[in-house]
Every structure is written in structure tokens, then in C-alpha cells.
Amino acid sequence: MKIGYARVSTKEQSLSMQVDALKKAGCDQVHEEIASGAKTSRPVLEEIMRNLREGDTLIIWKLDRLGRNLAHLIHLTTKLIEKKVGLISLNDPIDTSTAQGRMVFGIFASLAEFERELIRERTQAGLTSARARGRKGGRPKGMTQAAIEKATIAEALYINGSIPVKKIAEQLGISKTTLYSYLRYRNVDIGVMASEAVLIDI
């Protein structure tokens, strides 16, 4: 079954363009939701995710309609992969019925696994280092678990070098200043120009 999901951030915005495109794409059902990009609770999407079955395909207008940020998007795509559910984004190169789409979808899965491995490795390394200094384990002061996970993803994307800094910050839902702070936390060499950019927040 093809399930369509359309979302806008406010009641003032129209869902009609997304809904029309999803129907044209052959969706058997189209679900609509009004929720801001930063809002954590999305009951309609959550219900869709619960009801999806193996062999179904979730169709969206754009990737930013699905995930709040890159970390959330990776989480959702991982869930879809686990449920053996396809994903089509009408305005992005993701369509798991094509070889290219499956490749991009696979990249999300690999990135999700890469993120988990990095977190495990960094956590273990941090605990080993802390024990050597006689300190107990735990997350760094002032850093929530969500922030640590975003910092890990930021490091991977920054080191990859193919995505502009501004775009990475937008995908993660943070400012460039925060992004550079995360990179420094991860001990990533951001260079002199980047350090100056942090100071003036360009």
C-alpha cells in the first residue's frame, strides 16, 4: 500500500499542493498534519509509523516534511528500513523502487549505523580516559544526550566535506555557532577561518 504524508507548519499554510502531488503519485491514503518543524509531537506521523507494514511505501513531498532535523530523519528512515517499508520523496532523489533511490536510502542506513558506532566508540574511549584520571562516567557537563548525538552527526557530515557548513546547521536545526561548538567538543580541526566565523556568527 502507498501511504502519503503531507505536513505544513501553520494553519495559514496550504496542504493542497502536497496532497495533490501525493494523490497523483498513486497514494492509496493521504494523511495530513499541521505541526511546526521543531515540534517534537507529531501524532499523525506517529500513527502512520505504527501502522506501516512490510511491503508498504511511505510517500512524502520533501524530506523536510518528514524529519524535524537530520538526526530525526535518520531515526525515522532506520525505522522504515527495519520494518521493510519503502520511502519515496517526490522532490528528493529517494525512491526505493529505483537503484539510485535504494542507494541513497542505503546511505541513510549506513549513516545511522555509523552514528551508533561512533557514539559507542567515543563513549568507551571517554570512559577509559575518565577512569584513568580517576573520574566517574557520564555525559560532559552541559551536554544533553541529544546534543551529543547531534555533535556526532555534525562531525561525520563536516569531515565528509561535501555538505556546506550552513546546510549542516540547517539540517541539524542549530545555529552555525552551535555547530562549531559541537565540532570543537568532538575535537574536530575547524581551522582559523571557521574559528573567526564563530566569533562573528556569519
C-alpha atoms as a PDB file:
ATOM      1  CA  MET A   1       0.000   0.000   0.000  1.00  0.00           C
ATOM      2  CA  LYS A   2       1.172   3.533  -0.782  1.00  0.00           C
ATOM      3  CA  ILE A   3       0.751   5.884   2.176  1.00  0.00           C
ATOM      4  CA  GLY A   4       1.091   9.636   1.669  1.00  0.00           C
ATOM      5  CA  TYR A   5       2.094  12.066   4.407  1.00  0.00           C
ATOM      6  CA  ALA A   6       1.685  15.833   3.997  1.00  0.00           C
ATOM      7  CA  ARG A   7       2.702  18.405   6.600  1.00  0.00           C
ATOM      8  CA  VAL A   8       2.731  22.174   6.987  1.00  0.00           C
ATOM      9  CA  SER A   9       3.940  24.208   9.946  1.00  0.00           C
ATOM     10  CA  THR A  10       0.951  26.512  10.491  1.00  0.00           C
ATOM     11  CA  LYS A  11      -2.774  26.648   9.738  1.00  0.00           C
ATOM     12  CA  GLU A  12      -2.105  29.616   7.446  1.00  0.00           C
ATOM     13  CA  GLN A  13      -0.139  27.387   5.074  1.00  0.00           C
ATOM     14  CA  SER A  14      -1.892  25.248   2.485  1.00  0.00           C
ATOM     15  CA  LEU A  15      -1.606  21.485   2.260  1.00  0.00           C
ATOM     16  CA  SER A  16      -3.311  21.299  -1.132  1.00  0.00           C
ATOM     17  CA  MET A  17      -0.144  21.295  -3.274  1.00  0.00           C
ATOM     18  CA  GLN A  18       1.363  18.419  -1.296  1.00  0.00           C
ATOM     19  CA  VAL A  19      -1.901  16.476  -1.174  1.00  0.00           C
ATOM     20  CA  ASP A  20      -2.487  16.850  -4.932  1.00  0.00           C
ATOM     21  CA  ALA A  21       1.060  15.667  -5.684  1.00  0.00           C
ATOM     22  CA  LEU A  22       0.710  12.678  -3.349  1.00  0.00           C
ATOM     23  CA  LYS A  23      -2.598  11.647  -4.934  1.00  0.00           C
ATOM     24  CA  LYS A  24      -1.056  12.000  -8.391  1.00  0.00           C
ATOM     25  CA  ALA A  25       1.766   9.708  -7.215  1.00  0.00           C
ATOM     26  CA  GLY A  26      -0.835   6.994  -6.624  1.00  0.00           C
ATOM     27  CA  CYS A  27      -1.215   7.075  -2.840  1.00  0.00           C
ATOM     28  CA  ASP A  28      -3.969   4.838  -1.500  1.00  0.00           C
ATOM     29  CA  GLN A  29      -4.190   7.020   1.608  1.00  0.00           C
ATOM     30  CA  VAL A  30      -3.057  10.596   2.249  1.00  0.00           C
ATOM     31  CA  HIS A  31      -2.636  11.790   5.826  1.00  0.00           C
ATOM     32  CA  GLU A  32      -2.386  15.491   6.660  1.00  0.00           C
ATOM     33  CA  GLU A  33      -0.753  17.145   9.656  1.00  0.00           C
ATOM     34  CA  ILE A  34      -0.163  20.677  10.918  1.00  0.00           C
ATOM     35  CA  ALA A  35       2.958  20.765  13.069  1.00  0.00           C
ATOM     36  CA  SER A  36       5.975  23.056  13.130  1.00  0.00           C
ATOM     37  CA  GLY A  37       9.342  21.726  12.015  1.00  0.00           C
ATOM     38  CA  ALA A  38      10.719  21.948  15.550  1.00  0.00           C
ATOM     39  CA  LYS A  39       7.707  20.364  17.256  1.00  0.00           C
ATOM     40  CA  THR A  40       8.510  17.045  18.886  1.00  0.00           C
ATOM     41  CA  SER A  41       4.985  15.605  18.928  1.00  0.00           C
ATOM     42  CA  ARG A  42       3.532  14.609  15.563  1.00  0.00           C
ATOM     43  CA  PRO A  43       0.597  12.304  16.348  1.00  0.00           C
ATOM     44  CA  VAL A  44      -0.417  11.739  12.710  1.00  0.00           C
ATOM     45  CA  LEU A  45       3.092  10.706  11.661  1.00  0.00           C
ATOM     46  CA  GLU A  46       3.477   8.580  14.776  1.00  0.00           C
ATOM     47  CA  GLU A  47       0.256   6.716  13.947  1.00  0.00           C
ATOM     48  CA  ILE A  48       1.418   6.177  10.360  1.00  0.00           C
ATOM     49  CA  MET A  49       4.723   4.746  11.583  1.00  0.00           C
ATOM     50  CA  ARG A  50       2.868   2.352  13.903  1.00  0.00           C
ATOM     51  CA  ASN A  51       0.526   1.124  11.165  1.00  0.00           C
ATOM     52  CA  LEU A  52       3.030   0.673   8.322  1.00  0.00           C
ATOM     53  CA  ARG A  53       3.538  -2.942   7.305  1.00  0.00           C
ATOM     54  CA  GLU A  54       6.224  -4.792   5.363  1.00  0.00           C
ATOM     55  CA  GLY A  55       5.884  -4.020   1.658  1.00  0.00           C
ATOM     56  CA  ASP A  56       4.178  -0.645   2.190  1.00  0.00           C
ATOM     57  CA  THR A  57       5.669   2.544   0.754  1.00  0.00           C
ATOM     58  CA  LEU A  58       5.637   5.894   2.534  1.00  0.00           C
ATOM     59  CA  ILE A  59       5.464   8.809   0.088  1.00  0.00           C
ATOM     60  CA  ILE A  60       6.279  12.395   1.072  1.00  0.00           C
ATOM     61  CA  TRP A  61       6.574  15.734  -0.739  1.00  0.00           C
ATOM     62  CA  LYS A  62      10.080  16.516   0.537  1.00  0.00           C
ATOM     63  CA  LEU A  63      12.392  15.100   3.188  1.00  0.00           C
ATOM     64  CA  ASP A  64      11.930  18.180   5.377  1.00  0.00           C
ATOM     65  CA  ARG A  65       8.230  17.283   5.638  1.00  0.00           C
ATOM     66  CA  LEU A  66       9.197  14.044   7.367  1.00  0.00           C
ATOM     67  CA  GLY A  67      12.043  14.755   9.796  1.00  0.00           C
ATOM     68  CA  ARG A  68      12.482  17.641  12.244  1.00  0.00           C
ATOM     69  CA  ASN A  69      16.207  17.619  11.528  1.00  0.00           C
ATOM     70  CA  LEU A  70      18.834  15.277  10.157  1.00  0.00           C
ATOM     71  CA  ALA A  71      19.079  13.260  13.366  1.00  0.00           C
ATOM     72  CA  HIS A  72      15.300  12.724  13.437  1.00  0.00           C
ATOM     73  CA  LEU A  73      15.265  11.891   9.728  1.00  0.00           C
ATOM     74  CA  ILE A  74      17.937   9.237  10.199  1.00  0.00           C
ATOM     75  CA  HIS A  75      15.943   7.793  13.107  1.00  0.00           C
ATOM     76  CA  LEU A  76      12.769   7.552  11.019  1.00  0.00           C
ATOM     77  CA  THR A  77      14.463   6.099   7.934  1.00  0.00           C
ATOM     78  CA  THR A  78      16.121   3.498  10.144  1.00  0.00           C
ATOM     79  CA  LYS A  79      12.679   2.508  11.461  1.00  0.00           C
ATOM     80  CA  LEU A  80      11.377   2.211   7.893  1.00  0.00           C
ATOM     81  CA  ILE A  81      14.305   0.008   6.923  1.00  0.00           C
ATOM     82  CA  GLU A  82      13.712  -2.219   9.948  1.00  0.00           C
ATOM     83  CA  LYS A  83      10.019  -2.571   9.019  1.00  0.00           C
ATOM     84  CA  LYS A  84      10.958  -3.261   5.346  1.00  0.00           C
ATOM     85  CA  VAL A  85       8.913  -0.250   4.261  1.00  0.00           C
ATOM     86  CA  GLY A  86       9.843   1.730   1.151  1.00  0.00           C
ATOM     87  CA  LEU A  87      10.256   5.501   1.000  1.00  0.00           C
ATOM     88  CA  ILE A  88       9.664   7.915  -1.867  1.00  0.00           C
ATOM     89  CA  SER A  89      10.363  11.640  -1.618  1.00  0.00           C
ATOM     90  CA  LEU A  90       8.810  13.344  -4.635  1.00  0.00           C
ATOM     91  CA  ASN A  91      11.300  16.222  -4.664  1.00  0.00           C
ATOM     92  CA  ASP A  92      14.452  14.416  -3.499  1.00  0.00           C
ATOM     93  CA  PRO A  93      16.486  11.582  -5.073  1.00  0.00           C
ATOM     94  CA  ILE A  94      14.908   8.946  -2.846  1.00  0.00           C
ATOM     95  CA  ASP A  95      12.740   6.242  -4.371  1.00  0.00           C
ATOM     96  CA  THR A  96      13.408   2.730  -3.171  1.00  0.00           C
ATOM     97  CA  SER A  97      11.824   1.300  -6.323  1.00  0.00           C
ATOM     98  CA  THR A  98      14.875   2.530  -8.288  1.00  0.00           C
ATOM     99  CA  ALA A  99      18.542   1.579  -7.998  1.00  0.00           C
ATOM    100  CA  GLN A 100      19.609   5.176  -7.309  1.00  0.00           C
ATOM    101  CA  GLY A 101      16.886   5.625  -4.714  1.00  0.00           C
ATOM    102  CA  ARG A 102      17.865   2.417  -2.951  1.00  0.00           C
ATOM    103  CA  MET A 103      21.471   3.598  -2.913  1.00  0.00           C
ATOM    104  CA  VAL A 104      20.535   6.905  -1.258  1.00  0.00           C
ATOM    105  CA  PHE A 105      18.251   5.077   1.167  1.00  0.00           C
ATOM    106  CA  GLY A 106      21.143   2.758   1.969  1.00  0.00           C
ATOM    107  CA  ILE A 107      23.345   5.751   2.699  1.00  0.00           C
ATOM    108  CA  PHE A 108      20.882   6.812   5.392  1.00  0.00           C
ATOM    109  CA  ALA A 109      21.039   3.343   6.910  1.00  0.00           C
ATOM    110  CA  SER A 110      24.845   3.384   6.803  1.00  0.00           C
ATOM    111  CA  LEU A 111      24.958   6.851   8.336  1.00  0.00           C
ATOM    112  CA  ALA A 112      22.638   5.733  11.129  1.00  0.00           C
ATOM    113  CA  GLU A 113      24.856   2.724  11.869  1.00  0.00           C
ATOM    114  CA  PHE A 114      27.962   4.917  11.612  1.00  0.00           C
ATOM    115  CA  GLU A 115      26.427   7.300  14.142  1.00  0.00           C
ATOM    116  CA  ARG A 116      25.691   4.479  16.587  1.00  0.00           C
ATOM    117  CA  GLU A 117      29.204   3.054  16.245  1.00  0.00           C
ATOM    118  CA  LEU A 118      30.782   6.470  16.769  1.00  0.00           C
ATOM    119  CA  ILE A 119      28.725   7.078  19.881  1.00  0.00           C
ATOM    120  CA  ARG A 120      29.698   3.673  21.279  1.00  0.00           C
ATOM    121  CA  GLU A 121      33.383   4.151  20.463  1.00  0.00           C
ATOM    122  CA  ARG A 122      33.539   7.709  21.793  1.00  0.00           C
ATOM    123  CA  THR A 123      31.652   6.750  24.935  1.00  0.00           C
ATOM    124  CA  GLN A 124      34.001   3.850  25.614  1.00  0.00           C
ATOM    125  CA  ALA A 125      37.064   5.989  24.911  1.00  0.00           C
ATOM    126  CA  GLY A 126      35.723   8.720  27.181  1.00  0.00           C
ATOM    127  CA  LEU A 127      35.036   6.276  29.999  1.00  0.00           C
ATOM    128  CA  THR A 128      38.507   4.762  29.673  1.00  0.00           C
ATOM    129  CA  SER A 129      40.091   8.206  29.767  1.00  0.00           C
ATOM    130  CA  ALA A 130      37.933   9.291  32.704  1.00  0.00           C
ATOM    131  CA  ARG A 131      38.784   6.178  34.693  1.00  0.00           C
ATOM    132  CA  ALA A 132      42.479   6.790  34.042  1.00  0.00           C
ATOM    133  CA  ARG A 133      42.030  10.216  35.624  1.00  0.00           C
ATOM    134  CA  GLY A 134      40.003   8.769  38.481  1.00  0.00           C
ATOM    135  CA  ARG A 135      36.669  10.221  37.356  1.00  0.00           C
ATOM    136  CA  LYS A 136      33.309   8.510  37.038  1.00  0.00           C
ATOM    137  CA  GLY A 137      31.484   8.123  33.743  1.00  0.00           C
ATOM    138  CA  GLY A 138      28.651  10.262  32.455  1.00  0.00           C
ATOM    139  CA  ARG A 139      27.935  12.792  29.763  1.00  0.00           C
ATOM    140  CA  PRO A 140      30.004  16.017  29.643  1.00  0.00           C
ATOM    141  CA  LYS A 141      28.758  18.858  31.816  1.00  0.00           C
ATOM    142  CA  GLY A 142      26.217  20.984  29.982  1.00  0.00           C
ATOM    143  CA  MET A 143      25.745  18.496  27.116  1.00  0.00           C
ATOM    144  CA  THR A 144      22.470  16.608  26.847  1.00  0.00           C
ATOM    145  CA  GLN A 145      22.350  13.198  25.193  1.00  0.00           C
ATOM    146  CA  ALA A 146      20.535  14.756  22.220  1.00  0.00           C
ATOM    147  CA  ALA A 147      23.306  17.355  21.870  1.00  0.00           C
ATOM    148  CA  ILE A 148      25.979  14.652  21.999  1.00  0.00           C
ATOM    149  CA  GLU A 149      24.213  12.709  19.245  1.00  0.00           C
ATOM    150  CA  LYS A 150      23.915  15.839  17.099  1.00  0.00           C
ATOM    151  CA  ALA A 151      27.595  16.573  17.672  1.00  0.00           C
ATOM    152  CA  THR A 152      28.446  13.087  16.427  1.00  0.00           C
ATOM    153  CA  ILE A 153      26.396  13.547  13.261  1.00  0.00           C
ATOM    154  CA  ALA A 154      27.850  17.039  12.754  1.00  0.00           C
ATOM    155  CA  GLU A 155      31.362  15.594  12.912  1.00  0.00           C
ATOM    156  CA  ALA A 156      30.584  12.925  10.305  1.00  0.00           C
ATOM    157  CA  LEU A 157      28.999  15.401   7.887  1.00  0.00           C
ATOM    158  CA  TYR A 158      31.699  18.040   8.380  1.00  0.00           C
ATOM    159  CA  ILE A 159      34.550  15.588   7.827  1.00  0.00           C
ATOM    160  CA  ASN A 160      32.795  14.249   4.720  1.00  0.00           C
ATOM    161  CA  GLY A 161      33.296  17.712   3.208  1.00  0.00           C
ATOM    162  CA  SER A 162      30.527  17.519   0.603  1.00  0.00           C
ATOM    163  CA  ILE A 163      27.898  19.497   2.542  1.00  0.00           C
ATOM    164  CA  PRO A 164      28.291  23.241   3.282  1.00  0.00           C
ATOM    165  CA  VAL A 165      28.509  24.220   6.942  1.00  0.00           C
ATOM    166  CA  LYS A 166      25.363  26.326   6.673  1.00  0.00           C
ATOM    167  CA  LYS A 167      23.443  23.348   5.279  1.00  0.00           C
ATOM    168  CA  ILE A 168      24.685  21.027   8.032  1.00  0.00           C
ATOM    169  CA  ALA A 169      23.490  23.515  10.656  1.00  0.00           C
ATOM    170  CA  GLU A 170      20.085  23.810   8.967  1.00  0.00           C
ATOM    171  CA  GLN A 171      19.668  20.033   8.743  1.00  0.00           C
ATOM    172  CA  LEU A 172      20.505  19.628  12.424  1.00  0.00           C
ATOM    173  CA  GLY A 173      18.273  22.537  13.432  1.00  0.00           C
ATOM    174  CA  ILE A 174      21.081  24.508  15.099  1.00  0.00           C
ATOM    175  CA  SER A 175      22.990  27.743  14.501  1.00  0.00           C
ATOM    176  CA  LYS A 176      26.431  27.822  12.880  1.00  0.00           C
ATOM    177  CA  THR A 177      27.878  28.952  16.216  1.00  0.00           C
ATOM    178  CA  THR A 178      26.425  25.893  17.943  1.00  0.00           C
ATOM    179  CA  LEU A 179      27.638  23.670  15.107  1.00  0.00           C
ATOM    180  CA  TYR A 180      31.215  24.880  15.545  1.00  0.00           C
ATOM    181  CA  SER A 181      30.896  24.405  19.304  1.00  0.00           C
ATOM    182  CA  TYR A 182      29.843  20.806  18.689  1.00  0.00           C
ATOM    183  CA  LEU A 183      32.797  20.281  16.347  1.00  0.00           C
ATOM    184  CA  ARG A 184      35.201  21.648  18.956  1.00  0.00           C
ATOM    185  CA  TYR A 185      33.622  19.309  21.509  1.00  0.00           C
ATOM    186  CA  ARG A 186      34.362  16.441  19.104  1.00  0.00           C
ATOM    187  CA  ASN A 187      37.960  17.716  18.738  1.00  0.00           C
ATOM    188  CA  VAL A 188      37.486  18.376  15.023  1.00  0.00           C
ATOM    189  CA  ASP A 189      40.011  20.756  13.453  1.00  0.00           C
ATOM    190  CA  ILE A 190      37.798  23.545  12.113  1.00  0.00           C
ATOM    191  CA  GLY A 191      40.647  25.846  11.083  1.00  0.00           C
ATOM    192  CA  VAL A 192      41.281  29.542  11.609  1.00  0.00           C
ATOM    193  CA  MET A 193      38.605  30.788   9.192  1.00  0.00           C
ATOM    194  CA  ALA A 194      35.920  28.725  10.895  1.00  0.00           C
ATOM    195  CA  SER A 195      37.029  29.943  14.327  1.00  0.00           C
ATOM    196  CA  GLU A 196      36.734  33.544  13.149  1.00  0.00           C
ATOM    197  CA  ALA A 197      33.306  32.772  11.701  1.00  0.00           C
ATOM    198  CA  VAL A 198      32.173  31.596  15.130  1.00  0.00           C
ATOM    199  CA  LEU A 199      33.210  34.877  16.695  1.00  0.00           C
ATOM    200  CA  ILE A 200      31.157  36.979  14.281  1.00  0.00           C
ATOM    201  CA  ASP A 201      28.500  34.275  13.639  1.00  0.00           C
ATOM    202  CA  ILE A 202      28.263  34.753   9.899  1.00  0.00           C
END
